[in-house]
Amino acid sequence: MTGGNDGLNTEVPYADFAYSRLRPRLAIPRDQVLQLDQQAGLHPALEPLMALWQGRELAVGGAEMGPLRGGVRTIALTEIGRWDSTLVMSYSEFGRRPRENLSNGTDHGTASAHFVMGGRVKGGLYGAPPELARLDGSDNLSFAVDFRGLYATVLERWWEVDAPGALNGRFAALDLVRA
């Protein structure tokens, strides 16, 4: 997702009072959020992902790691027996700041949400919820999971590649793969 993803309006921390306080015009109304649990939900435009969530084939990384607009799981992948060997992962080169700006948008920030989906994905929410009341000195969210851990997971458990060599260091893999 080039151009940065507004992770807080992708994976919405609707139960956190600070969310609507920081975004009086941009916050997704609570009754429109697609509820994932008692704290977080998805932007209503991501409704096609809910079938994957309910099937436990979608993992959503919290405030650390965008909107996907490839039909999500196509019937062709299931019919040809490729869904279990398929991995779809979103990424964004930067996130957005929690506080809306005077232009009714958000400035470039540091943390964002990521999606991982596929037949072998162990679905669920990963990482800690965003701490909207504890922004860093630049008004950014602190990340809870190093994105290189997500990359290490994909490299090691899907592609069977030496992650430390590819990433120039060791990063803890996430428990995203079903046995």
N, C-alpha and C. Protein backbone atom coordinates (compact mmCIF):
# COMPACT_ATOMS: atom_id res chain seq x y z
N MET A 1 0.85 -1.17 0.00
CA MET A 1 0.00 0.00 0.00
C MET A 1 0.89 1.23 0.00
N THR A 2 1.36 1.57 -1.16
CA THR A 2 2.24 2.72 -1.25
C THR A 2 1.46 3.98 -0.88
N GLY A 3 2.14 4.91 -0.31
CA GLY A 3 1.50 6.14 0.12
C GLY A 3 1.13 6.12 1.59
N GLY A 4 1.40 5.03 2.27
CA GLY A 4 1.10 4.93 3.69
C GLY A 4 -0.34 4.53 3.94
N ASN A 5 -0.55 3.74 4.96
CA ASN A 5 -1.87 3.27 5.31
C ASN A 5 -2.27 3.84 6.66
N ASP A 6 -3.50 4.31 6.75
CA ASP A 6 -4.02 4.79 8.01
C ASP A 6 -4.50 3.58 8.81
N GLY A 7 -3.58 2.99 9.55
CA GLY A 7 -3.85 1.76 10.28
C GLY A 7 -4.97 1.88 11.30
N LEU A 8 -5.16 3.06 11.89
CA LEU A 8 -6.22 3.20 12.90
C LEU A 8 -7.61 3.24 12.28
N ASN A 9 -7.72 3.54 11.00
CA ASN A 9 -9.01 3.46 10.33
C ASN A 9 -9.10 2.22 9.46
N THR A 10 -8.10 1.34 9.56
CA THR A 10 -8.13 0.03 8.92
C THR A 10 -8.50 -0.99 9.99
N GLU A 11 -7.65 -1.12 11.01
CA GLU A 11 -7.99 -1.89 12.21
C GLU A 11 -8.36 -0.85 13.25
N VAL A 12 -9.64 -0.70 13.50
CA VAL A 12 -10.19 0.41 14.27
C VAL A 12 -10.27 0.06 15.75
N PRO A 13 -9.56 0.83 16.63
CA PRO A 13 -9.66 0.60 18.08
C PRO A 13 -10.89 1.31 18.64
N TYR A 14 -12.06 0.86 18.20
CA TYR A 14 -13.32 1.56 18.46
C TYR A 14 -13.66 1.68 19.95
N ALA A 15 -13.18 0.80 20.79
CA ALA A 15 -13.51 0.84 22.21
C ALA A 15 -12.64 1.83 23.00
N ASP A 16 -11.59 2.34 22.39
CA ASP A 16 -10.68 3.28 23.05
C ASP A 16 -11.22 4.70 22.89
N PHE A 17 -11.58 5.32 24.00
CA PHE A 17 -12.13 6.68 23.96
C PHE A 17 -11.19 7.66 23.25
N ALA A 18 -9.88 7.44 23.39
CA ALA A 18 -8.91 8.35 22.78
C ALA A 18 -9.00 8.34 21.25
N TYR A 19 -9.47 7.24 20.66
CA TYR A 19 -9.59 7.15 19.20
C TYR A 19 -10.50 8.26 18.67
N SER A 20 -11.70 8.38 19.20
CA SER A 20 -12.62 9.42 18.71
C SER A 20 -12.19 10.81 19.16
N ARG A 21 -11.48 10.90 20.28
CA ARG A 21 -10.98 12.20 20.73
C ARG A 21 -9.89 12.72 19.80
N LEU A 22 -8.99 11.82 19.35
CA LEU A 22 -7.92 12.23 18.45
C LEU A 22 -8.42 12.47 17.02
N ARG A 23 -9.57 11.90 16.69
CA ARG A 23 -10.10 11.96 15.32
C ARG A 23 -11.58 12.35 15.33
N PRO A 24 -11.88 13.56 15.75
CA PRO A 24 -13.30 13.93 15.84
C PRO A 24 -14.05 13.85 14.51
N ARG A 25 -13.38 14.07 13.39
CA ARG A 25 -14.04 14.01 12.08
C ARG A 25 -13.72 12.72 11.33
N LEU A 26 -12.57 12.11 11.59
CA LEU A 26 -12.12 10.94 10.83
C LEU A 26 -12.48 9.59 11.44
N ALA A 27 -12.82 9.57 12.71
CA ALA A 27 -13.09 8.29 13.38
C ALA A 27 -14.26 7.57 12.70
N ILE A 28 -14.12 6.27 12.53
CA ILE A 28 -15.20 5.46 11.99
C ILE A 28 -16.23 5.30 13.11
N PRO A 29 -17.50 5.64 12.87
CA PRO A 29 -18.51 5.49 13.91
C PRO A 29 -18.57 4.04 14.41
N ARG A 30 -18.69 3.90 15.70
CA ARG A 30 -18.67 2.60 16.37
C ARG A 30 -19.67 1.62 15.74
N ASP A 31 -20.87 2.10 15.38
CA ASP A 31 -21.89 1.21 14.83
C ASP A 31 -21.61 0.79 13.39
N GLN A 32 -20.57 1.37 12.76
CA GLN A 32 -20.21 0.98 11.40
C GLN A 32 -18.99 0.05 11.35
N VAL A 33 -18.29 -0.06 12.47
CA VAL A 33 -17.09 -0.89 12.54
C VAL A 33 -17.47 -2.37 12.46
N LEU A 34 -16.72 -3.13 11.70
CA LEU A 34 -16.90 -4.59 11.61
C LEU A 34 -16.15 -5.20 12.79
N GLN A 35 -16.86 -5.60 13.81
CA GLN A 35 -16.26 -6.01 15.08
C GLN A 35 -15.47 -7.30 14.95
N LEU A 36 -14.18 -7.26 15.39
CA LEU A 36 -13.33 -8.44 15.47
C LEU A 36 -13.33 -9.01 16.88
N ASP A 37 -13.31 -8.12 17.86
CA ASP A 37 -13.40 -8.50 19.27
C ASP A 37 -13.99 -7.31 20.02
N GLN A 38 -13.88 -7.31 21.34
CA GLN A 38 -14.47 -6.24 22.15
C GLN A 38 -13.71 -4.93 22.08
N GLN A 39 -12.53 -4.93 21.45
CA GLN A 39 -11.69 -3.74 21.39
C GLN A 39 -11.50 -3.20 19.98
N ALA A 40 -11.41 -4.10 19.00
CA ALA A 40 -10.99 -3.71 17.65
C ALA A 40 -11.94 -4.25 16.59
N GLY A 41 -11.96 -3.56 15.47
CA GLY A 41 -12.76 -3.99 14.33
C GLY A 41 -12.14 -3.47 13.05
N LEU A 42 -12.76 -3.80 11.94
CA LEU A 42 -12.27 -3.37 10.63
C LEU A 42 -13.12 -2.25 10.07
N HIS A 43 -12.51 -1.47 9.19
CA HIS A 43 -13.22 -0.45 8.44
C HIS A 43 -14.34 -1.13 7.65
N PRO A 44 -15.51 -0.50 7.52
CA PRO A 44 -16.62 -1.14 6.83
C PRO A 44 -16.31 -1.53 5.37
N ALA A 45 -15.38 -0.85 4.73
CA ALA A 45 -15.03 -1.20 3.35
C ALA A 45 -14.32 -2.55 3.26
N LEU A 46 -13.87 -3.08 4.40
CA LEU A 46 -13.15 -4.35 4.42
C LEU A 46 -14.07 -5.54 4.71
N GLU A 47 -15.36 -5.35 4.53
CA GLU A 47 -16.34 -6.40 4.78
C GLU A 47 -16.01 -7.71 4.04
N PRO A 48 -15.44 -7.69 2.82
CA PRO A 48 -15.09 -8.95 2.17
C PRO A 48 -14.09 -9.81 2.96
N LEU A 49 -13.35 -9.21 3.88
CA LEU A 49 -12.39 -9.97 4.68
C LEU A 49 -13.04 -10.72 5.84
N MET A 50 -14.27 -10.40 6.16
CA MET A 50 -14.91 -11.00 7.34
C MET A 50 -15.09 -12.51 7.20
N ALA A 51 -15.34 -13.02 6.01
CA ALA A 51 -15.47 -14.48 5.84
C ALA A 51 -14.15 -15.16 6.19
N LEU A 52 -13.02 -14.55 5.81
CA LEU A 52 -11.72 -15.10 6.16
C LEU A 52 -11.49 -15.03 7.66
N TRP A 53 -11.89 -13.92 8.29
CA TRP A 53 -11.76 -13.77 9.73
C TRP A 53 -12.55 -14.87 10.44
N GLN A 54 -13.78 -15.06 10.04
CA GLN A 54 -14.64 -16.05 10.68
C GLN A 54 -14.12 -17.47 10.44
N GLY A 55 -13.44 -17.71 9.31
CA GLY A 55 -12.85 -19.01 9.02
C GLY A 55 -11.47 -19.18 9.64
N ARG A 56 -11.01 -18.18 10.42
CA ARG A 56 -9.69 -18.19 11.08
C ARG A 56 -8.56 -18.30 10.07
N GLU A 57 -8.73 -17.66 8.90
CA GLU A 57 -7.70 -17.65 7.86
C GLU A 57 -7.13 -16.25 7.64
N LEU A 58 -7.45 -15.33 8.54
CA LEU A 58 -6.97 -13.95 8.46
C LEU A 58 -6.33 -13.57 9.78
N ALA A 59 -5.09 -13.14 9.72
CA ALA A 59 -4.39 -12.62 10.89
C ALA A 59 -4.23 -11.12 10.69
N VAL A 60 -4.53 -10.36 11.72
CA VAL A 60 -4.43 -8.91 11.65
C VAL A 60 -3.44 -8.48 12.70
N GLY A 61 -2.36 -7.80 12.26
CA GLY A 61 -1.35 -7.28 13.17
C GLY A 61 -1.79 -5.93 13.67
N GLY A 62 -1.76 -5.73 14.96
CA GLY A 62 -2.24 -4.51 15.59
C GLY A 62 -1.51 -3.26 15.15
N ALA A 63 -1.27 -2.37 16.05
CA ALA A 63 -0.76 -1.05 15.73
C ALA A 63 0.68 -1.06 15.31
N GLU A 64 1.16 -2.13 14.79
CA GLU A 64 2.57 -2.19 14.50
C GLU A 64 2.89 -2.53 13.07
N MET A 65 2.22 -3.11 12.64
CA MET A 65 2.69 -3.72 11.43
C MET A 65 2.34 -2.99 10.14
N GLY A 66 -3.72 -3.02 5.51
CA GLY A 66 -4.16 -1.95 4.93
C GLY A 66 -5.24 -2.19 3.97
N PRO A 67 -5.81 -1.10 3.58
CA PRO A 67 -7.00 -1.79 3.14
C PRO A 67 -6.76 -2.57 1.87
N LEU A 68 -7.10 -3.83 1.89
CA LEU A 68 -7.02 -4.63 0.67
C LEU A 68 -8.30 -4.42 -0.10
N ARG A 69 -8.16 -4.13 -1.38
CA ARG A 69 -9.36 -3.86 -2.13
C ARG A 69 -9.97 -5.04 -2.71
N GLY A 70 -7.36 -9.97 -4.45
CA GLY A 70 -7.00 -10.63 -5.56
C GLY A 70 -7.40 -12.13 -5.54
N GLY A 71 -11.10 -9.41 -4.25
CA GLY A 71 -11.85 -10.64 -4.23
C GLY A 71 -11.38 -11.51 -3.09
N VAL A 72 -10.32 -11.17 -2.35
CA VAL A 72 -9.72 -11.83 -1.21
C VAL A 72 -9.43 -13.29 -1.53
N ARG A 73 -10.24 -14.23 -1.13
CA ARG A 73 -9.99 -15.64 -1.44
C ARG A 73 -10.85 -15.98 -2.65
N THR A 74 -10.21 -16.17 -3.77
CA THR A 74 -10.97 -16.44 -4.97
C THR A 74 -11.37 -17.90 -5.02
N ILE A 75 -12.51 -18.16 -5.66
CA ILE A 75 -12.99 -19.53 -5.82
C ILE A 75 -11.98 -20.34 -6.62
N ALA A 76 -11.21 -19.61 -7.63
CA ALA A 76 -10.25 -20.37 -8.45
C ALA A 76 -9.19 -21.03 -7.60
N LEU A 77 -8.64 -20.30 -6.46
CA LEU A 77 -7.62 -20.86 -5.58
C LEU A 77 -8.14 -22.07 -4.81
N THR A 78 -9.38 -22.01 -4.35
CA THR A 78 -9.96 -23.14 -3.62
C THR A 78 -10.19 -24.32 -4.56
N GLU A 79 -10.77 -24.03 -5.71
CA GLU A 79 -11.10 -25.11 -6.66
C GLU A 79 -9.87 -25.83 -7.19
N ILE A 80 -8.76 -25.13 -7.32
CA ILE A 80 -7.56 -25.80 -7.85
C ILE A 80 -6.64 -26.28 -6.73
N GLY A 81 -7.11 -26.22 -5.49
CA GLY A 81 -6.35 -26.77 -4.38
C GLY A 81 -5.12 -25.97 -4.01
N ARG A 82 -5.13 -24.66 -4.21
CA ARG A 82 -3.96 -23.82 -3.93
C ARG A 82 -4.11 -22.90 -2.72
N TRP A 83 -5.30 -22.86 -2.11
CA TRP A 83 -5.50 -21.93 -1.00
C TRP A 83 -4.57 -22.23 0.17
N ASP A 84 -4.32 -23.51 0.47
CA ASP A 84 -3.44 -23.85 1.59
C ASP A 84 -1.98 -23.52 1.33
N SER A 85 -1.58 -23.37 0.09
CA SER A 85 -0.19 -23.00 -0.20
C SER A 85 -0.06 -21.52 -0.58
N THR A 86 -1.15 -20.78 -0.43
CA THR A 86 -1.15 -19.35 -0.78
C THR A 86 -1.01 -18.51 0.49
N LEU A 87 -0.22 -17.48 0.38
CA LEU A 87 -0.09 -16.50 1.46
C LEU A 87 -0.23 -15.12 0.83
N VAL A 88 -1.13 -14.33 1.40
CA VAL A 88 -1.30 -12.94 0.97
C VAL A 88 -0.95 -12.08 2.17
N MET A 89 -0.04 -11.14 1.97
CA MET A 89 0.38 -10.27 3.07
C MET A 89 0.38 -8.83 2.58
N SER A 90 -0.19 -7.94 3.37
CA SER A 90 -0.15 -6.52 3.03
C SER A 90 1.04 -5.88 3.71
N TYR A 91 1.47 -4.78 3.17
CA TYR A 91 2.51 -3.98 3.83
C TYR A 91 2.34 -2.54 3.40
N SER A 92 2.91 -1.66 4.16
CA SER A 92 2.89 -0.24 3.84
C SER A 92 4.24 0.32 4.26
N GLU A 93 4.78 1.20 3.45
CA GLU A 93 6.12 1.70 3.78
C GLU A 93 6.11 2.71 4.93
N PHE A 94 4.96 3.21 5.30
CA PHE A 94 4.84 4.03 6.50
C PHE A 94 3.39 4.05 6.93
N GLY A 95 3.16 4.45 8.17
CA GLY A 95 1.81 4.52 8.69
C GLY A 95 1.33 5.96 8.73
N ARG A 96 0.35 6.20 9.55
CA ARG A 96 -0.23 7.53 9.72
C ARG A 96 -0.30 7.86 11.20
N ARG A 97 -0.24 9.14 11.52
CA ARG A 97 -0.33 9.57 12.91
C ARG A 97 -1.77 9.45 13.39
N PRO A 98 -1.93 9.23 14.69
CA PRO A 98 -3.28 9.06 15.24
C PRO A 98 -4.14 10.33 15.20
N ARG A 99 -3.51 11.47 15.39
CA ARG A 99 -4.28 12.72 15.48
C ARG A 99 -4.57 13.25 14.08
N GLU A 100 -5.84 13.58 13.83
CA GLU A 100 -6.18 14.15 12.52
C GLU A 100 -5.60 15.55 12.42
N ASN A 101 -5.29 15.97 11.18
CA ASN A 101 -4.71 17.29 10.98
C ASN A 101 -5.77 18.28 10.52
N LEU A 102 -5.38 19.51 10.27
CA LEU A 102 -6.33 20.55 9.90
C LEU A 102 -6.89 20.36 8.50
N SER A 103 -6.31 19.48 7.72
CA SER A 103 -6.79 19.20 6.36
C SER A 103 -7.76 18.01 6.33
N ASN A 104 -8.26 17.62 7.48
CA ASN A 104 -9.15 16.45 7.60
C ASN A 104 -8.47 15.16 7.15
N GLY A 105 -7.20 15.05 7.42
CA GLY A 105 -6.43 13.86 7.11
C GLY A 105 -5.50 13.55 8.26
N THR A 106 -4.47 12.77 7.97
CA THR A 106 -3.47 12.45 8.98
C THR A 106 -2.09 12.60 8.36
N ASP A 107 -1.13 12.97 9.17
CA ASP A 107 0.24 13.13 8.70
C ASP A 107 0.96 11.78 8.68
N HIS A 108 2.09 11.74 7.96
CA HIS A 108 2.90 10.53 7.93
C HIS A 108 3.28 10.14 9.34
N GLY A 109 3.21 8.83 9.61
CA GLY A 109 3.53 8.33 10.93
C GLY A 109 4.36 7.07 10.85
N THR A 110 4.38 6.32 11.93
CA THR A 110 5.29 5.19 12.02
C THR A 110 4.62 3.83 12.00
N ALA A 111 3.53 3.63 12.68
CA ALA A 111 2.97 2.29 12.86
C ALA A 111 1.68 2.12 12.05
N SER A 112 1.39 0.87 11.68
CA SER A 112 0.19 0.59 10.91
C SER A 112 -0.22 -0.86 11.12
N ALA A 113 -1.36 -1.23 10.60
CA ALA A 113 -1.84 -2.61 10.67
C ALA A 113 -1.43 -3.36 9.40
N HIS A 114 -1.26 -4.66 9.53
CA HIS A 114 -0.96 -5.52 8.39
C HIS A 114 -1.89 -6.71 8.40
N PHE A 115 -2.17 -7.24 7.23
CA PHE A 115 -3.01 -8.42 7.08
C PHE A 115 -2.17 -9.56 6.53
N VAL A 116 -2.43 -10.76 7.03
CA VAL A 116 -1.84 -11.98 6.50
C VAL A 116 -2.99 -12.96 6.36
N MET A 117 -3.15 -13.55 5.17
CA MET A 117 -4.24 -14.49 4.97
C MET A 117 -3.82 -15.63 4.07
N GLY A 118 -4.45 -16.76 4.29
CA GLY A 118 -4.19 -17.95 3.50
C GLY A 118 -4.75 -19.15 4.24
N GLY A 119 -4.78 -20.29 3.56
CA GLY A 119 -5.35 -21.49 4.13
C GLY A 119 -4.60 -22.03 5.34
N ARG A 120 -3.29 -21.77 5.45
CA ARG A 120 -2.50 -22.24 6.59
C ARG A 120 -2.29 -21.17 7.66
N VAL A 121 -2.87 -20.00 7.45
CA VAL A 121 -2.71 -18.91 8.42
C VAL A 121 -3.51 -19.22 9.67
N LYS A 122 -2.89 -19.03 10.82
CA LYS A 122 -3.57 -19.14 12.11
C LYS A 122 -4.16 -17.77 12.40
N GLY A 123 -5.43 -17.61 12.08
CA GLY A 123 -6.08 -16.31 12.17
C GLY A 123 -6.18 -15.77 13.58
N GLY A 124 -6.35 -14.49 13.69
CA GLY A 124 -6.52 -13.82 14.97
C GLY A 124 -5.86 -12.46 14.97
N LEU A 125 -5.91 -11.81 16.12
CA LEU A 125 -5.26 -10.52 16.30
C LEU A 125 -3.89 -10.75 16.89
N TYR A 126 -2.89 -10.08 16.35
CA TYR A 126 -1.51 -10.22 16.81
C TYR A 126 -0.99 -8.86 17.23
N GLY A 127 -0.15 -8.84 18.24
CA GLY A 127 0.40 -7.58 18.74
C GLY A 127 -0.53 -6.94 19.75
N ALA A 128 -0.01 -6.00 20.47
CA ALA A 128 -0.79 -5.29 21.48
C ALA A 128 -1.67 -4.24 20.81
N PRO A 129 -2.81 -3.91 21.45
CA PRO A 129 -3.63 -2.83 20.91
C PRO A 129 -2.85 -1.52 20.95
N PRO A 130 -3.19 -0.58 20.07
CA PRO A 130 -2.47 0.71 20.09
C PRO A 130 -2.72 1.44 21.40
N GLU A 131 -1.68 2.08 21.90
CA GLU A 131 -1.79 2.86 23.12
C GLU A 131 -1.97 4.32 22.74
N LEU A 132 -3.19 4.69 22.45
CA LEU A 132 -3.48 6.04 21.96
C LEU A 132 -3.25 7.13 22.99
N ALA A 133 -3.26 6.78 24.23
CA ALA A 133 -3.00 7.76 25.29
C ALA A 133 -1.51 7.93 25.55
N ARG A 134 -0.67 7.11 24.89
CA ARG A 134 0.78 7.17 25.12
C ARG A 134 1.53 7.29 23.79
N LEU A 135 1.37 8.41 23.11
CA LEU A 135 2.08 8.65 21.86
C LEU A 135 3.52 9.04 22.17
N ASP A 136 4.41 8.81 21.22
CA ASP A 136 5.81 9.18 21.45
C ASP A 136 5.98 10.69 21.31
N GLY A 137 7.19 11.17 21.44
CA GLY A 137 7.48 12.61 21.40
C GLY A 137 7.15 13.28 20.08
N SER A 138 6.95 12.51 19.02
CA SER A 138 6.58 13.06 17.71
C SER A 138 5.11 12.84 17.39
N ASP A 139 4.32 12.47 18.38
CA ASP A 139 2.89 12.19 18.21
C ASP A 139 2.61 10.94 17.38
N ASN A 140 3.53 9.99 17.41
CA ASN A 140 3.36 8.73 16.70
C ASN A 140 2.99 7.62 17.67
N LEU A 141 2.34 6.58 17.12
CA LEU A 141 2.12 5.35 17.89
C LEU A 141 3.43 4.62 18.07
N SER A 142 3.58 3.96 19.17
CA SER A 142 4.71 3.06 19.34
C SER A 142 4.29 1.71 18.76
N PHE A 143 5.22 1.01 18.12
CA PHE A 143 4.85 -0.28 17.56
C PHE A 143 5.08 -1.36 18.60
N ALA A 144 4.28 -2.43 18.48
CA ALA A 144 4.35 -3.53 19.44
C ALA A 144 5.10 -4.72 18.86
N VAL A 145 5.12 -4.85 17.55
CA VAL A 145 5.80 -5.97 16.88
C VAL A 145 6.69 -5.39 15.80
N ASP A 146 7.92 -5.79 15.78
CA ASP A 146 8.85 -5.36 14.74
C ASP A 146 8.44 -6.02 13.42
N PHE A 147 8.23 -5.22 12.37
CA PHE A 147 7.79 -5.77 11.08
C PHE A 147 8.74 -6.82 10.55
N ARG A 148 10.01 -6.77 10.98
CA ARG A 148 10.96 -7.77 10.51
C ARG A 148 10.64 -9.15 11.08
N GLY A 149 9.92 -9.22 12.20
CA GLY A 149 9.44 -10.49 12.73
C GLY A 149 8.39 -11.10 11.81
N LEU A 150 7.53 -10.25 11.26
CA LEU A 150 6.55 -10.72 10.28
C LEU A 150 7.26 -11.23 9.03
N TYR A 151 8.24 -10.47 8.56
CA TYR A 151 9.01 -10.90 7.39
C TYR A 151 9.76 -12.20 7.66
N ALA A 152 10.32 -12.33 8.87
CA ALA A 152 11.03 -13.57 9.24
C ALA A 152 10.08 -14.75 9.20
N THR A 153 8.85 -14.55 9.66
CA THR A 153 7.84 -15.61 9.62
C THR A 153 7.58 -16.08 8.20
N VAL A 154 7.39 -15.14 7.31
CA VAL A 154 7.12 -15.49 5.90
C VAL A 154 8.33 -16.18 5.28
N LEU A 155 9.50 -15.62 5.50
CA LEU A 155 10.72 -16.20 4.92
C LEU A 155 10.95 -17.64 5.40
N GLU A 156 10.83 -17.85 6.71
CA GLU A 156 11.14 -19.16 7.28
C GLU A 156 10.04 -20.18 7.07
N ARG A 157 8.80 -19.80 7.31
CA ARG A 157 7.73 -20.80 7.38
C ARG A 157 6.94 -20.98 6.10
N TRP A 158 7.05 -20.06 5.16
CA TRP A 158 6.40 -20.25 3.87
C TRP A 158 7.42 -20.50 2.77
N TRP A 159 8.46 -19.70 2.75
CA TRP A 159 9.43 -19.78 1.65
C TRP A 159 10.63 -20.65 1.98
N GLU A 160 10.76 -21.06 3.25
CA GLU A 160 11.88 -21.88 3.70
C GLU A 160 13.23 -21.25 3.33
N VAL A 161 13.33 -19.96 3.60
CA VAL A 161 14.54 -19.18 3.34
C VAL A 161 15.18 -18.84 4.68
N ASP A 162 16.49 -18.75 4.71
CA ASP A 162 17.22 -18.38 5.91
C ASP A 162 16.92 -16.91 6.24
N ALA A 163 16.03 -16.69 7.20
CA ALA A 163 15.62 -15.33 7.54
C ALA A 163 16.76 -14.47 8.07
N PRO A 164 17.61 -14.97 9.00
CA PRO A 164 18.69 -14.11 9.49
C PRO A 164 19.61 -13.62 8.36
N GLY A 165 19.87 -14.49 7.39
CA GLY A 165 20.71 -14.08 6.27
C GLY A 165 20.03 -13.02 5.42
N ALA A 166 18.75 -13.22 5.14
CA ALA A 166 18.01 -12.28 4.29
C ALA A 166 17.76 -10.95 5.00
N LEU A 167 17.52 -11.00 6.31
CA LEU A 167 17.20 -9.79 7.07
C LEU A 167 18.40 -9.18 7.78
N ASN A 168 19.55 -9.82 7.66
CA ASN A 168 20.77 -9.34 8.29
C ASN A 168 20.62 -9.24 9.81
N GLY A 169 19.99 -10.26 10.38
CA GLY A 169 19.80 -10.32 11.83
C GLY A 169 18.69 -11.28 12.19
N ARG A 170 18.60 -11.60 13.48
CA ARG A 170 17.55 -12.52 13.96
C ARG A 170 16.38 -11.72 14.51
N PHE A 171 15.18 -12.10 14.07
CA PHE A 171 13.96 -11.46 14.54
C PHE A 171 12.96 -12.55 14.86
N ALA A 172 12.29 -12.43 15.99
CA ALA A 172 11.36 -13.45 16.44
C ALA A 172 10.21 -13.61 15.45
N ALA A 173 10.02 -14.86 14.99
CA ALA A 173 8.92 -15.17 14.09
C ALA A 173 7.61 -15.18 14.88
N LEU A 174 6.54 -14.88 14.20
CA LEU A 174 5.21 -14.91 14.82
C LEU A 174 4.58 -16.29 14.65
N ASP A 175 3.72 -16.66 15.53
CA ASP A 175 3.05 -17.96 15.47
C ASP A 175 1.82 -17.87 14.57
N LEU A 176 2.03 -17.72 13.27
CA LEU A 176 0.96 -17.51 12.31
C LEU A 176 0.61 -18.73 11.48
N VAL A 177 1.30 -19.84 11.66
CA VAL A 177 1.15 -20.98 10.77
C VAL A 177 0.44 -22.12 11.48
N ARG A 178 -0.63 -22.61 10.86
CA ARG A 178 -1.31 -23.81 11.38
C ARG A 178 -0.46 -25.04 11.10
N ALA A 179 -0.55 -25.97 12.01
CA ALA A 179 0.18 -27.24 11.84
C ALA A 179 -0.47 -28.09 10.76
